[in-house]
Amino acid sequence: MSKMLQNALEEQRKYYSQKLLALGIYNKQVMNNMTLTELKNEYNYFYHNVPKLKRKSTS
């Protein structure tokens, strides 16, 4: 069971690392020092949070 869990965690790490590398924000050295939770948070920030632009009032 622990081998399956370890494989699943490695697959998640690989997935998030590949997605963040595709953006070009982080390099491999930086991501190797990040935890899986940090990788997930960064992925969610860059892929799911679209900044909202406020319109300037014309008055």
N, C-alpha and C. Protein backbone atom coordinates (compact mmCIF):
# COMPACT_ATOMS: atom_id res chain seq x y z
N MET A 1 0.82 -1.19 0.00
CA MET A 1 0.00 0.00 0.00
C MET A 1 0.87 1.26 0.00
N SER A 2 1.94 1.29 0.78
CA SER A 2 2.77 2.49 0.84
C SER A 2 3.49 2.72 -0.49
N LYS A 3 3.81 1.67 -1.21
CA LYS A 3 4.44 1.82 -2.52
C LYS A 3 3.47 2.47 -3.50
N MET A 4 2.21 2.11 -3.43
CA MET A 4 1.19 2.72 -4.29
C MET A 4 1.02 4.20 -3.95
N LEU A 5 1.03 4.51 -2.68
CA LEU A 5 0.91 5.90 -2.24
C LEU A 5 2.12 6.71 -2.69
N GLN A 6 3.29 6.16 -2.55
CA GLN A 6 4.50 6.85 -2.98
C GLN A 6 4.48 7.10 -4.48
N ASN A 7 4.04 6.12 -5.26
CA ASN A 7 3.94 6.29 -6.71
C ASN A 7 2.94 7.38 -7.07
N ALA A 8 1.82 7.42 -6.38
CA ALA A 8 0.80 8.43 -6.64
C ALA A 8 1.33 9.83 -6.33
N LEU A 9 2.06 9.97 -5.24
CA LEU A 9 2.63 11.26 -4.89
C LEU A 9 3.69 11.70 -5.90
N GLU A 10 4.48 10.76 -6.38
CA GLU A 10 5.48 11.08 -7.39
C GLU A 10 4.83 11.51 -8.70
N GLU A 11 3.73 10.86 -9.06
CA GLU A 11 3.00 11.23 -10.27
C GLU A 11 2.41 12.63 -10.15
N GLN A 12 1.87 12.96 -8.98
CA GLN A 12 1.33 14.29 -8.76
C GLN A 12 2.43 15.34 -8.86
N ARG A 13 3.55 15.07 -8.25
CA ARG A 13 4.68 16.00 -8.29
C ARG A 13 5.13 16.22 -9.72
N LYS A 14 5.22 15.14 -10.48
CA LYS A 14 5.63 15.22 -11.87
C LYS A 14 4.63 16.06 -12.68
N TYR A 15 3.34 15.83 -12.47
CA TYR A 15 2.29 16.56 -13.19
C TYR A 15 2.39 18.06 -12.93
N TYR A 16 2.41 18.45 -11.65
CA TYR A 16 2.45 19.87 -11.31
C TYR A 16 3.76 20.51 -11.77
N SER A 17 4.86 19.79 -11.67
CA SER A 17 6.14 20.32 -12.11
C SER A 17 6.15 20.58 -13.62
N GLN A 18 5.59 19.66 -14.38
CA GLN A 18 5.54 19.83 -15.83
C GLN A 18 4.69 21.03 -16.21
N LYS A 19 3.56 21.20 -15.55
CA LYS A 19 2.68 22.33 -15.85
C LYS A 19 3.34 23.66 -15.52
N LEU A 20 4.03 23.73 -14.40
CA LEU A 20 4.70 24.97 -14.01
C LEU A 20 5.92 25.25 -14.89
N LEU A 21 6.62 24.21 -15.31
CA LEU A 21 7.74 24.40 -16.23
C LEU A 21 7.26 24.93 -17.57
N ALA A 22 6.09 24.49 -18.00
CA ALA A 22 5.54 24.94 -19.28
C ALA A 22 5.29 26.45 -19.27
N LEU A 23 4.96 27.00 -18.10
CA LEU A 23 4.75 28.44 -17.99
C LEU A 23 6.07 29.21 -18.00
N GLY A 24 7.14 28.56 -17.59
CA GLY A 24 8.44 29.20 -17.57
C GLY A 24 8.67 30.10 -16.37
N ILE A 25 7.89 29.93 -15.34
CA ILE A 25 8.03 30.77 -14.15
C ILE A 25 9.11 30.23 -13.22
N TYR A 26 9.14 28.93 -13.05
CA TYR A 26 10.12 28.30 -12.16
C TYR A 26 11.05 27.41 -12.97
N ASN A 27 12.24 27.20 -12.43
CA ASN A 27 13.14 26.22 -13.04
C ASN A 27 13.13 24.96 -12.18
N LYS A 28 13.77 23.92 -12.65
CA LYS A 28 13.74 22.63 -11.95
C LYS A 28 14.39 22.71 -10.57
N GLN A 29 15.43 23.49 -10.46
CA GLN A 29 16.14 23.59 -9.18
C GLN A 29 15.22 24.17 -8.10
N VAL A 30 14.45 25.18 -8.44
CA VAL A 30 13.54 25.79 -7.47
C VAL A 30 12.42 24.81 -7.13
N MET A 31 11.89 24.14 -8.13
CA MET A 31 10.77 23.22 -7.87
C MET A 31 11.19 21.99 -7.08
N ASN A 32 12.43 21.59 -7.20
CA ASN A 32 12.91 20.45 -6.40
C ASN A 32 12.89 20.76 -4.91
N ASN A 33 13.00 22.05 -4.56
CA ASN A 33 12.98 22.45 -3.16
C ASN A 33 11.57 22.73 -2.65
N MET A 34 10.58 22.69 -3.52
CA MET A 34 9.19 22.97 -3.12
C MET A 34 8.50 21.68 -2.69
N THR A 35 7.58 21.82 -1.74
CA THR A 35 6.80 20.66 -1.34
C THR A 35 5.68 20.45 -2.34
N LEU A 36 5.03 19.30 -2.26
CA LEU A 36 3.91 19.00 -3.16
C LEU A 36 2.77 20.00 -2.95
N THR A 37 2.53 20.38 -1.72
CA THR A 37 1.49 21.36 -1.42
C THR A 37 1.82 22.71 -2.05
N GLU A 38 3.07 23.12 -1.98
CA GLU A 38 3.47 24.38 -2.61
C GLU A 38 3.30 24.32 -4.12
N LEU A 39 3.66 23.18 -4.72
CA LEU A 39 3.47 23.03 -6.16
C LEU A 39 1.99 23.12 -6.53
N LYS A 40 1.14 22.48 -5.75
CA LYS A 40 -0.30 22.54 -6.01
C LYS A 40 -0.82 23.96 -5.90
N ASN A 41 -0.40 24.67 -4.87
CA ASN A 41 -0.86 26.04 -4.67
C ASN A 41 -0.41 26.95 -5.81
N GLU A 42 0.82 26.80 -6.24
CA GLU A 42 1.32 27.60 -7.35
C GLU A 42 0.58 27.27 -8.65
N TYR A 43 0.33 26.00 -8.86
CA TYR A 43 -0.43 25.56 -10.04
C TYR A 43 -1.81 26.19 -10.02
N ASN A 44 -2.49 26.10 -8.90
CA ASN A 44 -3.83 26.67 -8.80
C ASN A 44 -3.82 28.18 -8.99
N TYR A 45 -2.80 28.84 -8.49
CA TYR A 45 -2.71 30.29 -8.62
C TYR A 45 -2.55 30.69 -10.09
N PHE A 46 -1.63 30.04 -10.79
CA PHE A 46 -1.34 30.46 -12.16
C PHE A 46 -2.32 29.92 -13.20
N TYR A 47 -2.96 28.79 -12.94
CA TYR A 47 -3.85 28.21 -13.93
C TYR A 47 -5.32 28.52 -13.68
N HIS A 48 -5.70 28.82 -12.45
CA HIS A 48 -7.12 28.98 -12.16
C HIS A 48 -7.52 30.37 -11.71
N ASN A 49 -6.60 31.17 -11.26
CA ASN A 49 -6.93 32.52 -10.81
C ASN A 49 -6.63 33.51 -11.93
N VAL A 50 -7.67 33.97 -12.56
CA VAL A 50 -7.51 34.98 -13.59
C VAL A 50 -7.73 36.32 -12.91
N PRO A 51 -6.74 37.20 -12.97
CA PRO A 51 -6.91 38.48 -12.29
C PRO A 51 -8.07 39.27 -12.90
N LYS A 52 -8.85 39.87 -12.03
CA LYS A 52 -9.98 40.67 -12.47
C LYS A 52 -9.51 42.11 -12.67
N LEU A 53 -9.87 42.67 -13.79
CA LEU A 53 -9.51 44.05 -14.09
C LEU A 53 -10.67 44.95 -13.72
N LYS A 54 -10.36 46.03 -13.04
CA LYS A 54 -11.40 46.99 -12.68
C LYS A 54 -11.45 48.06 -13.75
N ARG A 55 -12.63 48.35 -14.17
CA ARG A 55 -12.81 49.39 -15.17
C ARG A 55 -12.75 50.76 -14.50
N LYS A 56 -12.12 51.67 -15.19
CA LYS A 56 -12.08 53.04 -14.68
C LYS A 56 -13.39 53.71 -15.01
N SER A 57 -13.89 54.46 -14.07
CA SER A 57 -15.14 55.17 -14.31
C SER A 57 -14.88 56.35 -15.24
N THR A 58 -15.82 56.64 -16.10
CA THR A 58 -15.65 57.73 -17.07
C THR A 58 -16.21 59.03 -16.58
N SER A 59 -16.64 59.08 -15.34
CA SER A 59 -17.21 60.34 -14.84
C SER A 59 -16.22 61.31 -14.32
